[in-house]
Amino acid sequence: MLKLDTREFSNSAYNGLLEVKRIVKANSHSKASSIVQRLPSYISTWGLYRLAGDGLKYQKGETKYKGQVYQEFLKKLQDLSHVAFAYDDPNTLFGLEVHAYAGLNRLAIELAREWSFWAVPILGEAKEE
C-alpha cells in the first residue's frame, strides 16, 4: 500500500504546475489552466489510457499545450506513485494488472484535483479554447 505525505503530494502538484508554466508558451498559460481544471473530470470519465494517448496526440499543432500538460501530469503521477509505466507510451498502462491500474487511476484523480487547486495561482484564470 502506498503511503503519501500530504505535504509531498501538494508539493508535487505545485512543482508540476510550475514546470507546465515553464514549458508552455506564455500566451497559452490561461488555456493550460483551463485544461488543468478539467483534468479531474477527464480522468474520471476517460481514464489514464485515454489521457496518455491524447498526451501524445496533442504534441503537435495549435493544441501543443494540451499534450505538454498531459505529459507533465503523467510524469508527476509516475514520480509520485512509483508505478512502472512510461508516461509517453500508453501501452505500458495496458500491461498493468487491473488492481494496479484502478489504484493508479484513483491516485491520478486526486492528483488532478490538487493540480486544479493550484492552477489559477500558478497559470492564471482559465480561458476557454
Protein backbone atom coordinates (compact mmCIF):
# COMPACT_ATOMS: atom_id res chain seq x y z
CA MET A 1 0.00 0.00 0.00
CA LEU A 2 1.31 3.42 -0.97
CA LYS A 3 1.52 5.93 1.87
CA LEU A 4 1.65 9.57 0.87
CA ASP A 5 2.70 12.56 2.87
CA THR A 6 0.09 15.24 2.11
CA ARG A 7 2.80 17.91 2.01
CA GLU A 8 4.78 15.90 -0.53
CA PHE A 9 1.61 15.33 -2.55
CA SER A 10 0.77 19.04 -2.62
CA ASN A 11 4.37 19.98 -3.32
CA SER A 12 4.47 17.56 -6.24
CA ALA A 13 1.35 19.15 -7.73
CA TYR A 14 2.67 22.66 -7.19
CA ASN A 15 6.04 21.87 -8.78
CA GLY A 16 4.36 20.05 -11.66
CA LEU A 17 2.38 23.16 -12.49
CA LEU A 18 5.48 25.32 -12.26
CA GLU A 19 7.02 23.02 -14.84
CA VAL A 20 3.91 23.35 -17.02
CA LYS A 21 4.22 27.12 -16.75
CA ARG A 22 7.85 26.89 -17.81
CA ILE A 23 7.31 24.66 -20.85
CA VAL A 24 4.01 26.08 -22.15
CA LYS A 25 4.21 29.30 -24.15
CA ALA A 26 3.17 32.36 -22.12
CA ASN A 27 0.21 33.08 -24.39
CA SER A 28 -1.13 29.57 -23.64
CA HIS A 29 -0.99 29.73 -19.82
CA SER A 30 -4.68 30.55 -19.45
CA LYS A 31 -5.60 27.76 -21.89
CA ALA A 32 -3.40 25.35 -19.97
CA SER A 33 -5.14 26.46 -16.76
CA SER A 34 -8.47 25.51 -18.32
CA ILE A 35 -7.12 22.08 -19.27
CA VAL A 36 -5.74 21.52 -15.76
CA GLN A 37 -9.03 22.47 -14.14
CA ARG A 38 -10.86 19.90 -16.29
CA LEU A 39 -8.39 17.08 -15.55
CA PRO A 40 -10.32 15.50 -12.63
CA SER A 41 -13.49 15.01 -14.68
CA TYR A 42 -11.49 14.00 -17.77
CA ILE A 43 -9.67 11.23 -15.90
CA SER A 44 -12.86 10.15 -14.11
CA THR A 45 -14.62 9.80 -17.45
CA TRP A 46 -11.91 8.54 -19.79
CA GLY A 47 -9.14 7.19 -17.55
CA LEU A 48 -5.39 7.20 -17.86
CA TYR A 49 -5.31 5.17 -21.08
CA ARG A 50 -7.03 7.97 -22.95
CA LEU A 51 -5.02 10.69 -21.19
CA ALA A 52 -1.75 9.03 -22.20
CA GLY A 53 -2.92 8.61 -25.78
CA ASP A 54 -4.13 12.20 -26.03
CA GLY A 55 -0.88 13.39 -24.46
CA LEU A 56 0.97 12.02 -27.46
CA LYS A 57 -1.64 13.11 -29.99
CA TYR A 58 -1.62 16.75 -28.93
CA GLN A 59 2.16 17.18 -29.04
CA LYS A 60 1.81 18.80 -32.46
CA GLY A 61 -0.15 21.71 -33.89
CA GLU A 62 -2.07 24.52 -32.21
CA THR A 63 -3.02 22.46 -29.18
CA LYS A 64 0.55 21.51 -28.29
CA TYR A 65 -0.03 22.93 -24.79
CA LYS A 66 -2.60 20.16 -24.14
CA GLY A 67 -0.02 17.48 -24.85
CA GLN A 68 2.52 19.28 -22.68
CA VAL A 69 0.05 19.47 -19.77
CA TYR A 70 -0.96 15.82 -20.10
CA GLN A 71 2.62 14.60 -20.41
CA GLU A 72 3.81 16.62 -17.41
CA PHE A 73 0.85 15.36 -15.38
CA LEU A 74 1.74 11.75 -16.22
CA LYS A 75 5.40 12.37 -15.32
CA LYS A 76 4.41 13.67 -11.89
CA LEU A 77 1.99 10.78 -11.40
CA GLN A 78 4.74 8.31 -12.23
CA ASP A 79 7.17 10.01 -9.81
CA LEU A 80 4.59 10.08 -7.04
CA SER A 81 3.22 6.57 -7.48
CA HIS A 82 6.45 4.67 -8.21
CA VAL A 83 4.39 2.50 -10.59
CA ALA A 84 6.38 1.27 -13.56
CA PHE A 85 4.71 2.80 -16.60
CA ALA A 86 6.06 5.03 -19.33
CA TYR A 87 4.27 8.37 -19.44
CA ASP A 88 4.96 8.58 -23.18
CA ASP A 89 3.75 5.05 -24.03
CA PRO A 90 0.08 4.22 -23.31
CA ASN A 91 0.78 0.54 -23.98
CA THR A 92 2.61 0.27 -20.66
CA LEU A 93 -0.63 1.17 -18.87
CA PHE A 94 -2.38 -1.71 -20.64
CA GLY A 95 0.24 -4.04 -19.18
CA LEU A 96 -0.71 -3.21 -15.58
CA GLU A 97 -2.88 -5.57 -13.58
CA VAL A 98 -6.45 -4.34 -13.16
CA HIS A 99 -5.99 -3.70 -9.44
CA ALA A 100 -2.80 -1.69 -10.03
CA TYR A 101 -4.40 0.33 -12.82
CA ALA A 102 -7.50 1.09 -10.74
CA GLY A 103 -5.33 2.31 -7.86
CA LEU A 104 -3.21 4.41 -10.19
CA ASN A 105 -6.32 5.88 -11.79
CA ARG A 106 -7.69 6.81 -8.34
CA LEU A 107 -4.40 8.45 -7.40
CA ALA A 108 -4.47 10.31 -10.73
CA ILE A 109 -7.91 11.74 -9.93
CA GLU A 110 -6.66 13.00 -6.57
CA LEU A 111 -3.53 14.47 -8.13
CA ALA A 112 -5.67 16.14 -10.81
CA ARG A 113 -7.79 17.71 -8.07
CA GLU A 114 -4.66 19.09 -6.44
CA TRP A 115 -3.43 20.41 -9.79
CA SER A 116 -6.80 22.05 -10.29
CA PHE A 117 -6.50 23.72 -6.88
CA TRP A 118 -3.13 25.26 -7.83
CA ALA A 119 -3.97 26.09 -11.46
CA VAL A 120 -5.21 29.68 -11.02
CA PRO A 121 -2.43 30.91 -8.71
CA ILE A 122 0.26 29.48 -11.00
CA LEU A 123 -1.16 29.61 -14.53
CA GLY A 124 -3.79 32.33 -14.15
CA GLU A 125 -7.50 32.40 -14.79
CA ALA A 126 -8.79 29.81 -17.21
CA LYS A 127 -9.53 30.80 -20.78
CA GLU A 128 -11.56 28.51 -22.98
CA GLU A 129 -10.06 27.43 -26.27
